[in-house]
C-alpha atoms as a PDB file:
ATOM      1  CA  MET A   1      -0.023  -0.008   0.001  1.00  0.00           C
ATOM      2  CA  LYS A   2       1.334   3.553  -0.535  1.00  0.00           C
ATOM      3  CA  THR A   3       0.678   6.600   1.680  1.00  0.00           C
ATOM      4  CA  LEU A   4      -2.333   8.852   0.633  1.00  0.00           C
ATOM      5  CA  GLN A   5      -1.854  11.808  -1.105  1.00  0.00           C
ATOM      6  CA  VAL A   6      -4.217  14.293   0.261  1.00  0.00           C
ATOM      7  CA  LEU A   7      -5.807  17.622  -1.385  1.00  0.00           C
ATOM      8  CA  SER A   8      -8.204  20.641  -0.058  1.00  0.00           C
ATOM      9  CA  SER A   9     -10.476  22.785  -1.774  1.00  0.00           C
ATOM     10  CA  PRO A  10     -12.776  25.471  -0.589  1.00  0.00           C
ATOM     11  CA  THR A  11     -15.721  24.372  -2.963  1.00  0.00           C
ATOM     12  CA  ALA A  12     -17.355  21.390  -4.309  1.00  0.00           C
ATOM     13  CA  PRO A  13     -15.405  18.999  -6.129  1.00  0.00           C
ATOM     14  CA  THR A  14     -14.946  19.285  -9.731  1.00  0.00           C
ATOM     15  CA  ASN A  15     -13.735  15.612 -10.069  1.00  0.00           C
ATOM     16  CA  THR A  16     -16.682  13.601 -11.549  1.00  0.00           C
ATOM     17  CA  THR A  17     -15.251  10.077 -10.266  1.00  0.00           C
ATOM     18  CA  ALA A  18     -14.677  10.741  -6.521  1.00  0.00           C
ATOM     19  CA  LEU A  19     -17.557   9.745  -4.029  1.00  0.00           C
ATOM     20  CA  LEU A  20     -16.148  11.374  -0.998  1.00  0.00           C
ATOM     21  CA  GLN A  21     -13.916  14.389  -0.319  1.00  0.00           C
ATOM     22  CA  ALA A  22     -13.094  15.636   3.137  1.00  0.00           C
ATOM     23  CA  ASP A  23     -11.411  19.225   2.890  1.00  0.00           C
ATOM     24  CA  GLN A  24      -9.308  20.549   5.689  1.00  0.00           C
ATOM     25  CA  LEU A  25     -11.171  19.188   8.954  1.00  0.00           C
ATOM     26  CA  TYR A  26     -10.436  20.862  12.121  1.00  0.00           C
ATOM     27  CA  LYS A  27     -11.818  19.812  15.425  1.00  0.00           C
ATOM     28  CA  ASN A  28     -10.943  20.411  19.129  1.00  0.00           C
ATOM     29  CA  PHE A  29     -12.529  19.117  21.989  1.00  0.00           C
ATOM     30  CA  VAL A  30     -13.159  21.291  25.051  1.00  0.00           C
ATOM     31  CA  LEU A  31     -12.481  19.922  28.367  1.00  0.00           C
ATOM     32  CA  HIS A  32     -14.768  21.845  30.436  1.00  0.00           C
ATOM     33  CA  HIS A  33     -14.293  20.080  33.499  1.00  0.00           C
ATOM     34  CA  GLN A  34     -10.637  20.932  33.266  1.00  0.00           C
ATOM     35  CA  GLY A  35     -10.933  25.066  32.986  1.00  0.00           C
ATOM     36  CA  GLY A  36     -11.605  24.919  29.479  1.00  0.00           C
ATOM     37  CA  VAL A  37      -8.757  23.469  27.871  1.00  0.00           C
ATOM     38  CA  GLN A  38      -8.941  22.970  24.268  1.00  0.00           C
ATOM     39  CA  LEU A  39      -7.569  19.607  22.938  1.00  0.00           C
ATOM     40  CA  PRO A  40      -6.704  19.986  19.298  1.00  0.00           C
ATOM     41  CA  VAL A  41      -7.585  16.635  17.285  1.00  0.00           C
ATOM     42  CA  LEU A  42      -7.928  16.994  13.728  1.00  0.00           C
ATOM     43  CA  LYS A  43      -5.566  19.762  12.279  1.00  0.00           C
ATOM     44  CA  GLY A  44      -6.427  20.211   8.559  1.00  0.00           C
ATOM     45  CA  VAL A  45      -6.988  16.560   7.660  1.00  0.00           C
ATOM     46  CA  SER A  46      -8.258  15.854   3.956  1.00  0.00           C
ATOM     47  CA  LEU A  47      -8.821  12.752   2.138  1.00  0.00           C
ATOM     48  CA  THR A  48     -10.636  11.734  -1.155  1.00  0.00           C
ATOM     49  CA  VAL A  49     -12.028   8.465  -2.017  1.00  0.00           C
ATOM     50  CA  HIS A  50     -13.133   6.932  -5.342  1.00  0.00           C
ATOM     51  CA  PRO A  51     -15.370   4.191  -6.363  1.00  0.00           C
ATOM     52  CA  GLY A  52     -13.445   0.850  -5.577  1.00  0.00           C
ATOM     53  CA  GLU A  53     -11.162   2.076  -3.183  1.00  0.00           C
ATOM     54  CA  CYS A  54     -10.735   1.513   0.706  1.00  0.00           C
ATOM     55  CA  VAL A  55      -8.427   3.769   2.512  1.00  0.00           C
ATOM     56  CA  ALA A  56      -7.023   2.597   5.880  1.00  0.00           C
ATOM     57  CA  LEU A  57      -6.702   5.220   8.762  1.00  0.00           C
ATOM     58  CA  GLN A  58      -3.510   4.492  10.688  1.00  0.00           C
ATOM     59  CA  GLY A  59      -2.308   5.762  13.578  1.00  0.00           C
ATOM     60  CA  ALA A  60      -1.536   5.268  17.387  1.00  0.00           C
ATOM     61  CA  SER A  61      -4.479   5.377  19.740  1.00  0.00           C
ATOM     62  CA  GLY A  62      -5.549   8.863  20.241  1.00  0.00           C
ATOM     63  CA  SER A  63      -4.438  10.182  17.119  1.00  0.00           C
ATOM     64  CA  GLY A  64      -7.845  11.374  15.695  1.00  0.00           C
ATOM     65  CA  LYS A  65      -8.649   8.229  13.497  1.00  0.00           C
ATOM     66  CA  SER A  66     -11.848   7.707  15.490  1.00  0.00           C
ATOM     67  CA  THR A  67     -12.807  11.424  15.543  1.00  0.00           C
ATOM     68  CA  PHE A  68     -12.375  11.655  11.813  1.00  0.00           C
ATOM     69  CA  MET A  69     -14.391   8.488  11.067  1.00  0.00           C
ATOM     70  CA  ARG A  70     -17.273   9.806  13.085  1.00  0.00           C
ATOM     71  CA  SER A  71     -16.971  13.210  11.380  1.00  0.00           C
ATOM     72  CA  LEU A  72     -17.491  11.591   8.314  1.00  0.00           C
ATOM     73  CA  TYR A  73     -20.585  10.594   9.484  1.00  0.00           C
ATOM     74  CA  ALA A  74     -21.609  13.304  11.045  1.00  0.00           C
ATOM     75  CA  ASN A  75     -21.530  12.199  14.556  1.00  0.00           C
ATOM     76  CA  TYR A  76     -19.305  14.756  15.424  1.00  0.00           C
ATOM     77  CA  ARG A  77     -19.485  18.269  14.373  1.00  0.00           C
ATOM     78  CA  ILE A  78     -16.274  19.940  13.099  1.00  0.00           C
ATOM     79  CA  ASP A  79     -14.737  23.190  13.710  1.00  0.00           C
ATOM     80  CA  SER A  80     -14.119  23.878  10.148  1.00  0.00           C
ATOM     81  CA  GLY A  81     -13.852  22.313   6.531  1.00  0.00           C
ATOM     82  CA  SER A  82     -15.964  20.438   4.328  1.00  0.00           C
ATOM     83  CA  ILE A  83     -17.123  16.834   3.842  1.00  0.00           C
ATOM     84  CA  TRP A  84     -18.512  16.556   0.384  1.00  0.00           C
ATOM     85  CA  ILE A  85     -20.724  13.403  -0.486  1.00  0.00           C
ATOM     86  CA  LYS A  86     -21.781  12.246  -3.700  1.00  0.00           C
ATOM     87  CA  HIS A  87     -25.674  11.623  -2.832  1.00  0.00           C
ATOM     88  CA  GLN A  88     -27.761  10.544  -5.682  1.00  0.00           C
ATOM     89  CA  ASP A  89     -25.335  12.355  -8.634  1.00  0.00           C
ATOM     90  CA  HIS A  90     -25.423  15.768  -6.709  1.00  0.00           C
ATOM     91  CA  TRP A  91     -22.618  16.924  -4.101  1.00  0.00           C
ATOM     92  CA  VAL A  92     -23.599  17.557  -0.604  1.00  0.00           C
ATOM     93  CA  ASP A  93     -21.716  19.175   2.226  1.00  0.00           C
ATOM     94  CA  LEU A  94     -22.263  16.901   4.888  1.00  0.00           C
ATOM     95  CA  PRO A  95     -21.732  19.424   8.066  1.00  0.00           C
ATOM     96  CA  LYS A  96     -23.957  21.879   6.736  1.00  0.00           C
ATOM     97  CA  LEU A  97     -27.061  19.535   5.886  1.00  0.00           C
ATOM     98  CA  GLU A  98     -30.289  19.920   7.980  1.00  0.00           C
ATOM     99  CA  ALA A  99     -31.202  16.696  10.177  1.00  0.00           C
ATOM    100  CA  HIS A 100     -33.640  15.267   7.744  1.00  0.00           C
ATOM    101  CA  ASP A 101     -31.267  15.715   4.806  1.00  0.00           C
ATOM    102  CA  LEU A 102     -28.503  14.169   6.888  1.00  0.00           C
ATOM    103  CA  ILE A 103     -30.989  11.136   7.464  1.00  0.00           C
ATOM    104  CA  GLU A 104     -31.460  11.011   3.816  1.00  0.00           C
ATOM    105  CA  VAL A 105     -28.091  10.657   2.934  1.00  0.00           C
ATOM    106  CA  ARG A 106     -27.320   8.011   5.417  1.00  0.00           C
ATOM    107  CA  GLN A 107     -30.397   5.894   4.387  1.00  0.00           C
ATOM    108  CA  HIS A 108     -29.501   5.794   0.821  1.00  0.00           C
ATOM    109  CA  THR A 109     -25.598   6.708   0.361  1.00  0.00           C
ATOM    110  CA  LEU A 110     -23.445   6.658   3.441  1.00  0.00           C
ATOM    111  CA  GLY A 111     -23.270   3.509   5.499  1.00  0.00           C
ATOM    112  CA  TYR A 112     -21.311   2.770   8.794  1.00  0.00           C
ATOM    113  CA  VAL A 113     -20.049  -0.261  10.557  1.00  0.00           C
ATOM    114  CA  SER A 114     -19.897   0.672  14.176  1.00  0.00           C
ATOM    115  CA  GLN A 115     -17.831  -1.396  16.755  1.00  0.00           C
ATOM    116  CA  PHE A 116     -20.685  -1.479  18.931  1.00  0.00           C
ATOM    117  CA  LEU A 117     -24.681  -2.498  18.252  1.00  0.00           C
ATOM    118  CA  ARG A 118     -27.326  -0.652  19.943  1.00  0.00           C
ATOM    119  CA  VAL A 119     -30.476  -2.412  20.139  1.00  0.00           C
ATOM    120  CA  ILE A 120     -33.976  -2.187  21.618  1.00  0.00           C
ATOM    121  CA  PRO A 121     -34.537  -4.810  23.793  1.00  0.00           C
ATOM    122  CA  ARG A 122     -36.893  -7.621  22.526  1.00  0.00           C
ATOM    123  CA  VAL A 123     -36.428  -6.908  18.744  1.00  0.00           C
ATOM    124  CA  PRO A 124     -35.213  -9.892  16.975  1.00  0.00           C
ATOM    125  CA  ALA A 125     -31.338  -9.926  15.305  1.00  0.00           C
ATOM    126  CA  VAL A 126     -33.090 -10.266  11.868  1.00  0.00           C
ATOM    127  CA  ASP A 127     -35.389  -7.041  12.292  1.00  0.00           C
ATOM    128  CA  VAL A 128     -32.413  -5.334  13.519  1.00  0.00           C
ATOM    129  CA  ALA A 129     -30.636  -6.225  10.583  1.00  0.00           C
ATOM    130  CA  ALA A 130     -33.349  -5.623   7.952  1.00  0.00           C
ATOM    131  CA  ASP A 131     -34.526  -2.445   9.184  1.00  0.00           C
ATOM    132  CA  PRO A 132     -32.362  -0.321   6.944  1.00  0.00           C
ATOM    133  CA  LEU A 133     -33.572  -2.065   3.953  1.00  0.00           C
ATOM    134  CA  MET A 134     -37.244  -1.746   5.213  1.00  0.00           C
ATOM    135  CA  GLU A 135     -36.611   2.055   5.550  1.00  0.00           C
ATOM    136  CA  LEU A 136     -35.959   2.006   1.847  1.00  0.00           C
ATOM    137  CA  GLY A 137     -39.215   0.435   1.110  1.00  0.00           C
ATOM    138  CA  MET A 138     -38.227  -3.165   0.483  1.00  0.00           C
ATOM    139  CA  ASP A 139     -40.808  -5.871   1.531  1.00  0.00           C
ATOM    140  CA  MET A 140     -40.263  -7.445   4.972  1.00  0.00           C
ATOM    141  CA  GLU A 141     -40.175 -10.767   3.811  1.00  0.00           C
ATOM    142  CA  GLU A 142     -37.654  -9.861   0.931  1.00  0.00           C
ATOM    143  CA  ALA A 143     -35.516  -7.848   3.334  1.00  0.00           C
ATOM    144  CA  LYS A 144     -35.331 -10.381   5.804  1.00  0.00           C
ATOM    145  CA  ALA A 145     -34.352 -13.210   3.212  1.00  0.00           C
ATOM    146  CA  LYS A 146     -31.286 -11.164   2.358  1.00  0.00           C
ATOM    147  CA  VAL A 147     -30.226 -10.397   5.874  1.00  0.00           C
ATOM    148  CA  GLN A 148     -30.505 -14.232   6.505  1.00  0.00           C
ATOM    149  CA  ASN A 149     -28.460 -15.133   3.499  1.00  0.00           C
ATOM    150  CA  LEU A 150     -25.578 -12.619   5.070  1.00  0.00           C
ATOM    151  CA  PHE A 151     -26.382 -14.182   8.554  1.00  0.00           C
ATOM    152  CA  SER A 152     -25.637 -17.546   6.942  1.00  0.00           C
ATOM    153  CA  ARG A 153     -22.432 -16.270   5.223  1.00  0.00           C
ATOM    154  CA  LEU A 154     -21.406 -14.880   8.525  1.00  0.00           C
ATOM    155  CA  ASN A 155     -21.912 -18.195  10.341  1.00  0.00           C
ATOM    156  CA  LEU A 156     -24.611 -16.840  12.874  1.00  0.00           C
ATOM    157  CA  SER A 157     -26.444 -19.345  14.210  1.00  0.00           C
ATOM    158  CA  GLU A 158     -29.975 -19.764  12.970  1.00  0.00           C
ATOM    159  CA  ARG A 159     -31.144 -20.247  16.571  1.00  0.00           C
ATOM    160  CA  LEU A 160     -30.137 -16.592  17.264  1.00  0.00           C
ATOM    161  CA  TRP A 161     -31.804 -15.081  14.260  1.00  0.00           C
ATOM    162  CA  GLU A 162     -35.223 -14.440  15.989  1.00  0.00           C
ATOM    163  CA  LEU A 163     -33.780 -13.441  19.253  1.00  0.00           C
ATOM    164  CA  SER A 164     -32.819 -10.233  20.464  1.00  0.00           C
ATOM    165  CA  PRO A 165     -29.001  -9.148  20.294  1.00  0.00           C
ATOM    166  CA  THR A 166     -28.614  -7.569  23.735  1.00  0.00           C
ATOM    167  CA  THR A 167     -27.620 -10.954  24.960  1.00  0.00           C
ATOM    168  CA  PHE A 168     -24.986 -12.017  22.348  1.00  0.00           C
ATOM    169  CA  SER A 169     -21.615 -12.176  22.411  1.00  0.00           C
ATOM    170  CA  GLY A 170     -19.177  -9.126  21.160  1.00  0.00           C
ATOM    171  CA  GLY A 171     -18.565 -11.277  17.963  1.00  0.00           C
ATOM    172  CA  GLU A 172     -22.330 -12.340  17.161  1.00  0.00           C
ATOM    173  CA  LYS A 173     -23.100  -8.752  17.736  1.00  0.00           C
ATOM    174  CA  GLN A 174     -20.459  -7.394  15.120  1.00  0.00           C
ATOM    175  CA  ARG A 175     -21.890  -9.994  12.502  1.00  0.00           C
ATOM    176  CA  VAL A 176     -25.532  -8.742  13.285  1.00  0.00           C
ATOM    177  CA  ASN A 177     -23.918  -5.070  12.588  1.00  0.00           C
ATOM    178  CA  ILE A 178     -21.889  -6.167   9.543  1.00  0.00           C
ATOM    179  CA  ALA A 179     -25.138  -7.912   7.863  1.00  0.00           C
ATOM    180  CA  ARG A 180     -27.107  -4.575   8.814  1.00  0.00           C
ATOM    181  CA  ALA A 181     -24.531  -2.450   7.000  1.00  0.00           C
ATOM    182  CA  PHE A 182     -23.682  -4.692   3.998  1.00  0.00           C
ATOM    183  CA  SER A 183     -27.601  -5.435   3.022  1.00  0.00           C
ATOM    184  CA  VAL A 184     -28.029  -2.139   1.397  1.00  0.00           C
ATOM    185  CA  ASN A 185     -25.855  -1.209  -1.451  1.00  0.00           C
ATOM    186  CA  TYR A 186     -24.301   1.978  -0.113  1.00  0.00           C
ATOM    187  CA  PRO A 187     -21.934   3.871  -2.553  1.00  0.00           C
ATOM    188  CA  ILE A 188     -19.768   4.621   0.607  1.00  0.00           C
ATOM    189  CA  LEU A 189     -19.091   2.433   3.750  1.00  0.00           C
ATOM    190  CA  LEU A 190     -17.287   3.329   6.701  1.00  0.00           C
ATOM    191  CA  LEU A 191     -15.739   0.419   8.767  1.00  0.00           C
ATOM    192  CA  ASP A 192     -14.871   1.237  12.338  1.00  0.00           C
ATOM    193  CA  GLU A 193     -12.892  -2.054  13.139  1.00  0.00           C
ATOM    194  CA  PRO A 194     -15.067  -4.213  11.698  1.00  0.00           C
ATOM    195  CA  THR A 195     -13.186  -7.762  12.331  1.00  0.00           C
ATOM    196  CA  SER A 196     -11.905  -6.809  16.032  1.00  0.00           C
ATOM    197  CA  ALA A 197     -14.152  -9.344  17.619  1.00  0.00           C
ATOM    198  CA  LEU A 198     -14.154 -12.090  15.117  1.00  0.00           C
ATOM    199  CA  ASP A 199     -12.377 -15.390  14.775  1.00  0.00           C
ATOM    200  CA  ALA A 200     -10.287 -16.296  11.496  1.00  0.00           C
ATOM    201  CA  ALA A 201     -12.982 -17.888   9.593  1.00  0.00           C
ATOM    202  CA  ASN A 202     -15.366 -14.809  10.076  1.00  0.00           C
ATOM    203  CA  ARG A 203     -12.806 -12.539   9.323  1.00  0.00           C
ATOM    204  CA  GLU A 204     -12.266 -14.266   6.205  1.00  0.00           C
ATOM    205  CA  VAL A 205     -15.934 -13.848   5.221  1.00  0.00           C
ATOM    206  CA  VAL A 206     -15.664 -10.078   6.029  1.00  0.00           C
ATOM    207  CA  MET A 207     -12.842  -9.578   3.823  1.00  0.00           C
ATOM    208  CA  GLN A 208     -14.574 -11.268   1.079  1.00  0.00           C
ATOM    209  CA  LEU A 209     -17.751  -9.265   1.520  1.00  0.00           C
ATOM    210  CA  ILE A 210     -15.252  -5.971   1.556  1.00  0.00           C
ATOM    211  CA  GLU A 211     -13.575  -6.950  -1.633  1.00  0.00           C
ATOM    212  CA  GLU A 212     -17.233  -7.860  -3.162  1.00  0.00           C
ATOM    213  CA  ARG A 213     -18.218  -4.291  -2.490  1.00  0.00           C
ATOM    214  CA  LYS A 214     -15.172  -2.885  -3.775  1.00  0.00           C
ATOM    215  CA  ALA A 215     -15.623  -4.703  -7.042  1.00  0.00           C
ATOM    216  CA  GLN A 216     -19.339  -3.084  -7.484  1.00  0.00           C
ATOM    217  CA  GLY A 217     -17.676   0.549  -6.870  1.00  0.00           C
ATOM    218  CA  CYS A 218     -18.164   1.289  -3.215  1.00  0.00           C
ATOM    219  CA  ALA A 219     -15.783   3.720  -1.662  1.00  0.00           C
ATOM    220  CA  MET A 220     -14.464   2.591   1.882  1.00  0.00           C
ATOM    221  CA  VAL A 221     -12.789   4.335   4.691  1.00  0.00           C
ATOM    222  CA  GLY A 222     -11.803   2.127   7.671  1.00  0.00           C
ATOM    223  CA  ILE A 223      -9.685   1.575  10.823  1.00  0.00           C
ATOM    224  CA  PHE A 224      -8.218  -2.028  10.668  1.00  0.00           C
ATOM    225  CA  HIS A 225      -6.232  -3.098  13.702  1.00  0.00           C
ATOM    226  CA  ASP A 226      -5.600  -6.530  11.959  1.00  0.00           C
ATOM    227  CA  ASP A 227      -2.696  -6.027   9.920  1.00  0.00           C
ATOM    228  CA  GLU A 228      -3.749  -9.107   7.789  1.00  0.00           C
ATOM    229  CA  VAL A 229      -7.171  -7.690   6.947  1.00  0.00           C
ATOM    230  CA  ARG A 230      -5.679  -4.100   6.422  1.00  0.00           C
ATOM    231  CA  GLU A 231      -3.118  -5.393   3.633  1.00  0.00           C
ATOM    232  CA  ARG A 232      -5.592  -7.592   1.901  1.00  0.00           C
ATOM    233  CA  VAL A 233      -8.499  -5.190   1.471  1.00  0.00           C
ATOM    234  CA  CYS A 234      -6.850  -1.509   1.624  1.00  0.00           C
ATOM    235  CA  ASP A 235      -5.424   0.280  -1.395  1.00  0.00           C
ATOM    236  CA  ARG A 236      -3.959   3.306   0.466  1.00  0.00           C
ATOM    237  CA  THR A 237      -3.402   4.499   3.908  1.00  0.00           C
ATOM    238  CA  LEU A 238      -3.918   7.879   5.544  1.00  0.00           C
ATOM    239  CA  SER A 239      -1.648   8.299   8.766  1.00  0.00           C
ATOM    240  CA  PHE A 240      -2.496  10.153  11.785  1.00  0.00           C
ATOM    241  CA  GLY A 241      -0.419  11.558  14.605  1.00  0.00           C
END
C-alpha cells in the first residue's frame, strides 16, 4: 500500500469520479471540567476516495482516527472544513445539511459499521439487521431473506436470528452489525474495526464481503487494527499523529 496524497478545496469537488472528499477538517475538544482547555484532534485533515477504493486510517491510539471517522458520518460536528458526499449524483456538504437531509444521505448513500451494536430489547436480530432495507421500502420478507443470507455467510447460528442481540457475544453482535450495513448497497461505507471481535473464519468472510463491495464500486474508509485484513482489502493509507 502507498501513503495517501491528500488535497484541499474550498468549493464542491470538480472531480466527477470521486464519491467522498473531506477538505481541511479541524476539530477541537473542549475539556469543560479542566478549565476549558482545548484539545486539538484534527488539524487540517483531507481525504478523497474514489469508487472501488478502500482507504485505511492508521495511527496510534488518540491520534484522531476515530474522531475523523465519526466526523465523516456527522456524529461529530467539525470546527471547520467540508465533507463532500456524492449523493444521488449531487454533491452535498455533510456538516451543512439539515437533520432530515442528513438522515436521507445515511439511508441511501453513507453506511457505517460501528464496533458497537445498539438495539432495542426484545427486537429480533433479523429485524435489527433488516431495518435499513425496510426503511428504503423493501418488502419485509424480501428484506429478511437478504439479511438471513448474510447471517448464513457470517456463520451466525440460525437459532439466534429471532432472538434479541442484547445477550449476544461481542462477535455475534458485530456480525449483526455487518449484515445490517452490507445488506444495503451503499455507495460509501465507513468501517470502524469491522473484524475486531471475529475469529479467523469470520474475518475471512468479512474480507470477502469488502472485496465484493469494492468490485461493485463502493468507496470505503476504515480503521483496521488487524494487519492481515488491512493489507488485503485496503488500497491506500492515511496516517494520523
